[in-house]
N, C-alpha and C. Protein backbone atom coordinates (compact mmCIF):
# COMPACT_ATOMS: atom_id res chain seq x y z
N MET A 1 11.49 11.82 24.81
CA MET A 1 10.86 10.48 25.09
C MET A 1 10.01 10.38 23.64
N PRO A 2 10.17 9.08 23.17
CA PRO A 2 9.19 8.86 21.93
C PRO A 2 7.90 8.75 22.08
N SER A 3 7.22 9.26 20.79
CA SER A 3 6.00 9.32 21.11
C SER A 3 5.27 7.89 21.10
N LEU A 4 4.13 7.69 21.58
CA LEU A 4 3.54 6.35 21.33
C LEU A 4 3.43 5.86 20.09
N ALA A 5 3.19 6.77 19.02
CA ALA A 5 3.00 6.19 17.46
C ALA A 5 4.42 5.50 17.16
N ASN A 6 5.43 6.44 17.69
CA ASN A 6 6.92 5.88 17.20
C ASN A 6 7.24 4.57 17.99
N LEU A 7 6.62 4.43 19.05
CA LEU A 7 7.01 3.08 19.89
C LEU A 7 6.30 2.01 19.15
N ILE A 8 4.94 2.09 18.70
CA ILE A 8 4.16 1.27 17.99
C ILE A 8 4.91 0.80 16.69
N GLU A 9 5.38 1.64 16.19
CA GLU A 9 5.85 1.55 14.85
C GLU A 9 7.21 0.74 15.00
N LYS A 10 7.96 1.20 15.94
CA LYS A 10 9.18 0.41 16.21
C LYS A 10 9.03 -1.03 16.46
N HIS A 11 7.99 -1.26 17.31
CA HIS A 11 7.68 -2.67 17.79
C HIS A 11 7.18 -3.31 16.45
N LEU A 12 6.44 -2.86 15.82
CA LEU A 12 5.99 -3.81 14.62
C LEU A 12 6.89 -3.93 13.35
N ASN A 13 7.87 -3.00 13.44
CA ASN A 13 9.28 -3.16 12.46
C ASN A 13 10.16 -4.35 13.10
N ALA A 14 10.30 -4.42 14.45
CA ALA A 14 10.94 -5.33 15.11
C ALA A 14 10.36 -6.69 15.09
N LEU A 15 9.02 -6.88 14.72
CA LEU A 15 8.17 -7.96 14.84
C LEU A 15 8.60 -8.48 13.26
N ILE A 16 8.44 -7.82 12.29
CA ILE A 16 8.84 -8.08 10.92
C ILE A 16 10.04 -8.54 10.85
N LYS A 17 10.98 -7.97 11.38
CA LYS A 17 12.38 -8.32 11.30
C LYS A 17 12.60 -9.74 11.92
N GLU A 18 12.20 -9.95 13.14
CA GLU A 18 12.18 -11.26 13.90
C GLU A 18 11.59 -12.44 13.33
N SER A 19 10.44 -12.14 12.44
CA SER A 19 9.54 -13.27 11.78
C SER A 19 10.42 -13.77 10.82
N GLY A 20 11.55 -13.39 10.23
CA GLY A 20 12.30 -13.90 9.25
C GLY A 20 11.76 -14.02 7.83
N GLN A 21 10.32 -13.33 7.98
CA GLN A 21 9.61 -13.37 6.72
C GLN A 21 9.36 -11.71 6.43
N ARG A 22 8.78 -11.48 5.49
CA ARG A 22 8.37 -10.14 5.13
C ARG A 22 7.03 -9.75 5.52
N LEU A 23 6.36 -10.41 6.41
CA LEU A 23 5.06 -10.26 6.85
C LEU A 23 4.61 -10.70 8.35
N ILE A 24 3.75 -10.00 8.73
CA ILE A 24 3.34 -10.42 10.30
C ILE A 24 1.74 -10.27 10.29
N GLU A 25 1.16 -10.99 11.15
CA GLU A 25 -0.24 -10.77 11.37
C GLU A 25 -0.52 -10.65 12.93
N ILE A 26 -1.18 -9.48 13.05
CA ILE A 26 -1.45 -9.02 14.58
C ILE A 26 -2.80 -8.87 14.81
N GLN A 27 -3.31 -8.93 15.91
CA GLN A 27 -4.40 -8.63 16.46
C GLN A 27 -4.50 -7.13 16.98
N ARG A 28 -5.31 -6.28 16.38
CA ARG A 28 -5.23 -5.00 16.68
C ARG A 28 -5.48 -4.63 18.19
N ASN A 29 -6.73 -5.48 18.64
CA ASN A 29 -6.90 -5.47 20.07
C ASN A 29 -5.82 -5.78 21.16
N GLU A 30 -5.11 -6.74 20.89
CA GLU A 30 -4.07 -7.18 21.57
C GLU A 30 -2.87 -6.25 21.64
N LEU A 31 -2.66 -5.89 20.46
CA LEU A 31 -1.62 -4.72 20.26
C LEU A 31 -1.85 -3.42 21.10
N ALA A 32 -3.31 -3.11 21.05
CA ALA A 32 -3.69 -1.91 21.70
C ALA A 32 -3.68 -2.13 23.18
N GLU A 33 -3.68 -3.31 23.86
CA GLU A 33 -3.77 -3.64 25.14
C GLU A 33 -2.20 -3.68 25.75
N LYS A 34 -1.51 -4.29 24.80
CA LYS A 34 0.32 -4.12 25.21
C LYS A 34 0.63 -2.77 25.32
N PHE A 35 0.06 -1.97 24.37
CA PHE A 35 0.52 -0.45 24.54
C PHE A 35 -0.50 0.37 25.44
N ASN A 36 -1.28 -0.19 26.00
CA ASN A 36 -2.44 0.56 26.81
C ASN A 36 -3.08 1.85 26.11
N CYS A 37 -3.46 1.55 25.07
CA CYS A 37 -4.12 2.45 24.33
C CYS A 37 -5.33 2.01 23.33
N ALA A 38 -6.01 2.97 22.75
CA ALA A 38 -7.01 2.42 22.04
C ALA A 38 -6.83 1.85 20.68
N PRO A 39 -7.71 1.06 20.11
CA PRO A 39 -7.26 0.31 18.84
C PRO A 39 -7.31 1.62 17.83
N SER A 40 -7.89 2.61 18.07
CA SER A 40 -7.73 3.56 16.97
C SER A 40 -6.47 4.20 16.93
N GLN A 41 -5.82 4.13 17.82
CA GLN A 41 -4.11 4.62 17.82
C GLN A 41 -3.55 3.70 17.19
N ILE A 42 -3.78 2.27 17.02
CA ILE A 42 -3.01 1.26 16.19
C ILE A 42 -3.47 1.69 14.69
N ASN A 43 -4.73 2.00 14.55
CA ASN A 43 -4.98 2.29 13.15
C ASN A 43 -4.34 3.56 12.62
N TYR A 44 -4.12 4.46 13.54
CA TYR A 44 -3.38 5.69 13.15
C TYR A 44 -1.92 5.21 12.78
N VAL A 45 -1.44 4.59 13.47
CA VAL A 45 0.10 3.92 13.15
C VAL A 45 0.02 3.44 11.72
N LEU A 46 -0.84 2.33 11.68
CA LEU A 46 -1.02 1.63 10.49
C LEU A 46 -1.05 2.51 9.20
N THR A 47 -1.99 3.42 9.38
CA THR A 47 -2.47 4.26 8.05
C THR A 47 -1.43 5.29 7.81
N THR A 48 -0.46 5.68 8.72
CA THR A 48 0.33 6.81 8.71
C THR A 48 1.79 6.24 8.41
N ARG A 49 2.22 5.36 9.16
CA ARG A 49 3.48 4.70 9.17
C ARG A 49 3.80 3.53 8.07
N PHE A 50 2.77 2.76 7.85
CA PHE A 50 2.90 1.58 7.15
C PHE A 50 2.16 1.81 5.90
N THR A 51 2.82 2.52 4.85
CA THR A 51 1.79 3.07 3.66
C THR A 51 2.75 2.36 2.50
N ILE A 52 2.12 2.28 1.46
CA ILE A 52 2.46 1.85 0.10
C ILE A 52 3.75 2.57 -0.22
N GLU A 53 3.86 3.87 -0.06
CA GLU A 53 5.03 4.70 -0.31
C GLU A 53 6.08 4.41 0.50
N ARG A 54 5.91 3.79 1.68
CA ARG A 54 7.09 3.24 2.57
C ARG A 54 7.27 1.85 2.33
N GLY A 55 6.62 1.38 1.35
CA GLY A 55 7.13 -0.06 1.31
C GLY A 55 6.30 -1.23 1.83
N TYR A 56 5.22 -0.77 2.45
CA TYR A 56 4.30 -1.73 3.07
C TYR A 56 2.95 -1.91 2.45
N MET A 57 2.30 -3.00 2.66
CA MET A 57 0.92 -3.27 2.30
C MET A 57 0.41 -3.78 3.76
N VAL A 58 -0.86 -2.98 4.03
CA VAL A 58 -1.56 -3.50 5.05
C VAL A 58 -3.08 -4.04 4.59
N GLU A 59 -3.20 -5.23 5.29
CA GLU A 59 -4.69 -5.96 4.88
C GLU A 59 -5.21 -6.07 6.16
N SER A 60 -6.59 -5.86 6.20
CA SER A 60 -7.21 -5.85 7.46
C SER A 60 -8.36 -6.61 7.45
N ARG A 61 -8.71 -7.58 8.38
CA ARG A 61 -9.96 -8.29 8.50
C ARG A 61 -10.63 -7.96 9.94
N ARG A 62 -11.84 -7.62 9.62
CA ARG A 62 -12.54 -7.15 11.24
C ARG A 62 -13.36 -8.19 11.77
N GLY A 63 -13.62 -8.10 12.73
CA GLY A 63 -14.40 -9.02 13.39
C GLY A 63 -13.88 -9.98 14.52
N GLY A 64 -14.45 -10.91 15.12
CA GLY A 64 -13.86 -11.64 16.12
C GLY A 64 -12.57 -12.39 15.71
N GLY A 65 -12.36 -12.98 14.72
CA GLY A 65 -11.21 -13.62 14.29
C GLY A 65 -10.50 -12.72 13.38
N GLY A 66 -10.44 -11.44 13.42
CA GLY A 66 -9.76 -10.57 12.53
C GLY A 66 -8.33 -10.36 12.87
N TYR A 67 -7.80 -9.85 11.91
CA TYR A 67 -6.41 -9.64 12.12
C TYR A 67 -5.81 -8.42 11.14
N VAL A 68 -4.84 -7.93 11.42
CA VAL A 68 -4.25 -7.12 10.64
C VAL A 68 -2.76 -7.77 10.04
N ARG A 69 -2.70 -7.73 8.59
CA ARG A 69 -1.49 -8.25 7.95
C ARG A 69 -0.60 -7.23 7.61
N ILE A 70 0.69 -7.14 7.84
CA ILE A 70 1.57 -6.26 7.31
C ILE A 70 2.34 -6.91 6.38
N VAL A 71 2.70 -6.25 5.23
CA VAL A 71 3.35 -7.13 4.21
C VAL A 71 4.69 -6.05 3.92
N LYS A 72 6.05 -6.30 3.98
CA LYS A 72 6.87 -5.54 3.78
C LYS A 72 7.14 -6.15 2.28
N VAL A 73 7.01 -4.87 1.33
CA VAL A 73 7.00 -5.19 -0.06
C VAL A 73 8.69 -5.41 -0.44
N PRO A 74 9.10 -6.66 -0.79
CA PRO A 74 10.63 -6.62 -1.07
C PRO A 74 10.87 -6.09 -2.58
N LEU A 75 11.75 -5.26 -2.68
CA LEU A 75 12.42 -4.72 -3.72
C LEU A 75 13.90 -4.48 -4.06
N ASN A 76 14.53 -4.80 -5.17
CA ASN A 76 15.86 -4.63 -5.37
C ASN A 76 16.07 -3.21 -5.83
N ASP A 77 17.13 -2.70 -5.84
CA ASP A 77 17.43 -1.45 -6.19
C ASP A 77 16.80 -0.87 -7.62
N GLY A 78 16.78 -1.68 -8.59
CA GLY A 78 16.07 -1.37 -9.70
C GLY A 78 14.67 -1.35 -9.86
N GLU A 79 14.03 -2.17 -9.04
CA GLU A 79 12.43 -2.08 -8.74
C GLU A 79 12.12 -0.79 -7.81
N LEU A 80 13.11 -0.80 -6.90
CA LEU A 80 12.85 0.52 -6.05
C LEU A 80 12.89 1.79 -6.77
N ASP A 81 13.73 1.91 -7.55
CA ASP A 81 13.82 3.24 -8.39
C ASP A 81 12.45 3.37 -9.13
N LEU A 82 11.87 2.28 -9.78
CA LEU A 82 11.03 2.28 -10.60
C LEU A 82 9.60 2.42 -9.77
N ILE A 83 9.72 1.91 -8.47
CA ILE A 83 8.32 2.14 -7.74
C ILE A 83 8.33 3.62 -7.27
N SER A 84 9.55 4.08 -6.79
CA SER A 84 9.75 5.47 -6.19
C SER A 84 8.88 6.41 -7.46
N GLU A 85 9.58 6.13 -8.74
CA GLU A 85 9.25 7.04 -9.70
C GLU A 85 7.83 6.91 -10.09
N VAL A 86 7.21 5.89 -9.89
CA VAL A 86 5.59 5.56 -10.18
C VAL A 86 5.10 6.13 -9.24
N VAL A 87 5.47 5.89 -7.86
CA VAL A 87 4.57 6.56 -6.70
C VAL A 87 4.62 8.22 -6.90
N ASP A 88 5.79 8.71 -7.08
CA ASP A 88 6.02 10.16 -7.37
C ASP A 88 5.01 10.59 -8.43
N LEU A 89 5.16 9.89 -9.67
CA LEU A 89 4.13 10.45 -10.67
C LEU A 89 2.74 10.34 -10.51
N VAL A 90 2.40 9.29 -9.64
CA VAL A 90 1.02 9.21 -9.31
C VAL A 90 0.42 10.15 -8.39
N GLY A 91 1.45 10.22 -7.35
CA GLY A 91 0.99 11.13 -6.13
C GLY A 91 -0.12 10.84 -5.62
N ASP A 92 -0.76 11.90 -4.78
CA ASP A 92 -1.93 11.48 -4.05
C ASP A 92 -3.35 11.65 -4.71
N SER A 93 -3.32 12.10 -6.08
CA SER A 93 -4.28 12.28 -6.98
C SER A 93 -4.00 12.19 -8.27
N ILE A 94 -4.77 11.54 -9.14
CA ILE A 94 -4.40 11.39 -10.53
C ILE A 94 -5.53 11.26 -11.44
N SER A 95 -5.74 11.79 -12.74
CA SER A 95 -6.80 11.74 -13.31
C SER A 95 -6.73 10.31 -14.24
N GLU A 96 -7.99 9.97 -14.92
CA GLU A 96 -7.86 8.80 -15.72
C GLU A 96 -7.02 8.83 -16.63
N ARG A 97 -6.80 9.94 -17.60
CA ARG A 97 -5.94 10.05 -18.35
C ARG A 97 -4.56 9.97 -18.07
N GLY A 98 -4.17 10.49 -16.86
CA GLY A 98 -2.68 10.46 -16.36
C GLY A 98 -2.51 8.99 -15.91
N GLY A 99 -3.50 8.46 -15.34
CA GLY A 99 -3.16 7.06 -14.94
C GLY A 99 -3.13 6.17 -16.20
N ALA A 100 -3.90 6.39 -17.29
CA ALA A 100 -3.45 5.52 -18.50
C ALA A 100 -2.19 5.82 -19.29
N ALA A 101 -1.69 7.10 -18.86
CA ALA A 101 -0.47 7.26 -19.60
C ALA A 101 0.68 6.73 -18.75
N ILE A 102 0.48 6.44 -17.70
CA ILE A 102 1.48 5.76 -16.65
C ILE A 102 1.59 4.42 -17.36
N LEU A 103 0.39 3.80 -17.29
CA LEU A 103 0.07 2.38 -17.75
C LEU A 103 0.80 2.08 -18.98
N ALA A 104 0.48 3.10 -19.96
CA ALA A 104 1.04 2.88 -21.30
C ALA A 104 2.48 3.17 -21.32
N ARG A 105 3.06 3.91 -20.48
CA ARG A 105 4.69 3.88 -20.54
C ARG A 105 5.28 2.52 -19.91
N LEU A 106 4.70 2.10 -18.71
CA LEU A 106 5.09 0.74 -18.14
C LEU A 106 4.94 -0.16 -19.21
N LEU A 107 3.94 -0.19 -20.08
CA LEU A 107 3.53 -1.31 -20.82
C LEU A 107 4.81 -1.36 -22.00
N GLU A 108 5.08 -0.06 -22.40
CA GLU A 108 5.94 0.32 -23.55
C GLU A 108 7.36 -0.19 -23.20
N GLU A 109 7.77 0.10 -21.95
CA GLU A 109 8.94 -0.38 -21.30
C GLU A 109 9.07 -1.74 -20.74
N THR A 110 7.92 -2.41 -20.85
CA THR A 110 7.67 -3.94 -20.60
C THR A 110 7.68 -4.37 -19.04
N PHE A 111 7.42 -3.41 -18.32
CA PHE A 111 7.27 -3.62 -16.80
C PHE A 111 5.98 -4.15 -16.48
N ILE A 112 5.09 -4.17 -17.34
CA ILE A 112 3.81 -4.83 -17.11
C ILE A 112 3.36 -5.41 -18.63
N LYS A 113 2.64 -6.36 -18.39
CA LYS A 113 2.26 -7.14 -19.45
C LYS A 113 0.91 -6.39 -20.25
N PRO A 114 0.34 -6.61 -21.27
CA PRO A 114 -0.68 -5.95 -21.79
C PRO A 114 -2.09 -6.22 -20.93
N ARG A 115 -2.15 -7.56 -20.63
CA ARG A 115 -3.31 -8.06 -19.82
C ARG A 115 -3.31 -7.42 -18.39
N GLU A 116 -2.15 -7.18 -17.98
CA GLU A 116 -2.13 -6.35 -16.71
C GLU A 116 -2.57 -4.90 -16.89
N ALA A 117 -2.26 -4.31 -17.90
CA ALA A 117 -2.50 -3.18 -18.15
C ALA A 117 -3.98 -2.86 -18.23
N ALA A 118 -4.41 -3.75 -19.15
CA ALA A 118 -6.03 -3.64 -19.53
C ALA A 118 -6.58 -3.76 -18.05
N LEU A 119 -6.44 -4.79 -17.21
CA LEU A 119 -6.95 -4.85 -15.97
C LEU A 119 -6.77 -3.66 -15.08
N VAL A 120 -5.53 -2.92 -14.80
CA VAL A 120 -5.81 -1.97 -14.16
C VAL A 120 -6.44 -0.79 -14.82
N ARG A 121 -6.29 -0.61 -16.12
CA ARG A 121 -6.97 0.59 -16.64
C ARG A 121 -8.49 0.49 -16.48
N VAL A 122 -9.10 -0.61 -16.39
CA VAL A 122 -10.54 -0.72 -16.05
C VAL A 122 -10.76 -0.57 -14.53
N ALA A 123 -9.92 -0.94 -13.74
CA ALA A 123 -10.05 -0.75 -12.33
C ALA A 123 -9.97 0.61 -11.92
N ILE A 124 -9.24 1.46 -12.59
CA ILE A 124 -9.18 2.93 -12.46
C ILE A 124 -9.97 3.88 -13.23
N SER A 125 -10.90 3.13 -14.02
CA SER A 125 -11.74 3.89 -14.98
C SER A 125 -12.82 4.84 -14.31
N ARG A 126 -13.26 5.79 -14.89
CA ARG A 126 -14.45 6.57 -14.44
C ARG A 126 -15.60 5.87 -14.16
N ASN A 127 -15.92 4.77 -15.21
CA ASN A 127 -17.19 3.98 -15.26
C ASN A 127 -17.08 2.91 -13.72
N VAL A 128 -16.02 2.72 -13.35
CA VAL A 128 -15.92 1.81 -12.20
C VAL A 128 -15.83 2.58 -10.97
N LEU A 129 -15.10 4.06 -10.81
CA LEU A 129 -15.10 4.77 -9.80
C LEU A 129 -15.99 6.01 -9.81
N ARG A 130 -17.29 5.61 -9.50
CA ARG A 130 -18.38 6.59 -9.78
C ARG A 130 -18.68 7.36 -8.37
N ILE A 131 -17.82 7.98 -8.18
CA ILE A 131 -17.59 8.95 -6.88
C ILE A 131 -17.40 10.34 -7.54
N ALA A 132 -17.88 11.20 -6.52
CA ALA A 132 -17.42 12.76 -7.00
C ALA A 132 -16.05 13.11 -6.68
N GLN A 133 -15.74 14.17 -7.48
CA GLN A 133 -14.22 14.74 -7.35
C GLN A 133 -14.06 15.50 -6.24
N PRO A 134 -12.98 15.63 -5.65
CA PRO A 134 -11.76 14.96 -6.14
C PRO A 134 -11.35 13.74 -5.23
N ALA A 135 -12.57 13.14 -4.58
CA ALA A 135 -12.31 11.81 -4.10
C ALA A 135 -12.01 10.65 -5.04
N ARG A 136 -12.49 10.82 -6.39
CA ARG A 136 -12.40 9.87 -7.39
C ARG A 136 -10.81 9.77 -7.59
N ASP A 137 -10.36 11.21 -8.02
CA ASP A 137 -8.80 10.90 -8.27
C ASP A 137 -8.01 10.57 -7.33
N GLN A 138 -8.19 10.76 -6.01
CA GLN A 138 -7.50 10.30 -4.74
C GLN A 138 -7.67 8.84 -4.97
N LEU A 139 -8.80 8.35 -4.84
CA LEU A 139 -9.13 6.87 -4.77
C LEU A 139 -8.31 6.16 -6.09
N ARG A 140 -8.36 6.63 -7.40
CA ARG A 140 -7.65 6.12 -8.37
C ARG A 140 -6.14 6.13 -7.93
N ALA A 141 -5.59 7.06 -7.49
CA ALA A 141 -4.16 7.14 -7.13
C ALA A 141 -3.73 6.01 -6.21
N ASN A 142 -4.70 5.64 -5.17
CA ASN A 142 -4.23 4.89 -4.28
C ASN A 142 -4.48 3.32 -4.98
N ILE A 143 -5.43 3.27 -5.85
CA ILE A 143 -5.49 1.92 -6.52
C ILE A 143 -4.38 1.82 -7.37
N LEU A 144 -4.18 2.68 -8.14
CA LEU A 144 -2.94 2.55 -9.20
C LEU A 144 -1.81 2.23 -8.39
N LYS A 145 -1.53 2.68 -7.35
CA LYS A 145 -0.28 2.58 -6.37
C LYS A 145 -0.27 1.06 -6.12
N SER A 146 -1.22 0.78 -5.40
CA SER A 146 -1.46 -0.52 -4.74
C SER A 146 -1.17 -1.54 -5.66
N VAL A 147 -1.93 -1.34 -6.78
CA VAL A 147 -1.94 -2.58 -7.64
C VAL A 147 -0.39 -2.65 -8.43
N LEU A 148 0.11 -1.56 -8.70
CA LEU A 148 1.31 -1.62 -9.42
C LEU A 148 2.53 -2.12 -8.40
N ILE A 149 2.33 -1.76 -7.29
CA ILE A 149 3.32 -2.34 -6.17
C ILE A 149 3.04 -3.64 -6.15
N THR A 150 2.00 -4.36 -5.95
CA THR A 150 1.61 -5.71 -6.14
C THR A 150 2.24 -6.47 -7.35
N LEU A 151 1.99 -5.70 -8.38
CA LEU A 151 2.56 -6.48 -9.72
C LEU A 151 4.04 -6.59 -9.60
N PHE A 152 4.58 -5.53 -9.31
CA PHE A 152 6.28 -5.64 -9.19
C PHE A 152 6.59 -6.47 -8.14
N LYS A 153 5.92 -6.39 -6.97
CA LYS A 153 6.48 -7.35 -5.91
C LYS A 153 6.21 -8.79 -6.42
N ASN A 154 5.31 -9.06 -7.22
CA ASN A 154 5.15 -10.65 -7.71
C ASN A 154 5.93 -10.93 -8.70
N GLN A 155 7.03 -10.22 -9.04
CA GLN A 155 7.72 -10.40 -10.36
C GLN A 155 9.08 -10.98 -9.86
N GLU A 156 9.03 -11.12 -8.54
CA GLU A 156 10.48 -12.07 -8.02
C GLU A 156 10.81 -13.18 -8.88
């Protein structure tokens, strides 16, 4: 028998397919009611099954009119290879120097523009990410992967 997390994941993927688009907006509480579970169970599925590495971006807005938006990042084969390579290079944690090196390579290969590289470099800098290690390098990796996937996604 499939686990609850698997059922929720399957349901959300079906909604994305049925929508005819690459995104859906759901109400966390409504979905929790449908599956007779706590909203935290929905959060678990979203954070473990709908990740950047799996090709999804999840945006969340809390409150009465809140929603969760799940976007399937469209990629063609060439972009998929590039995204996979970058995600693998970045990993779960990356230093400022490592992030700058990846940006330099993407800039050199003209996958990103100089302005984009500069903006990302600032966003992942130690001056901006003023938290202790190892959380800083983990946060930097998440930001870097999210921003790069968004940049590649918007180059369609």
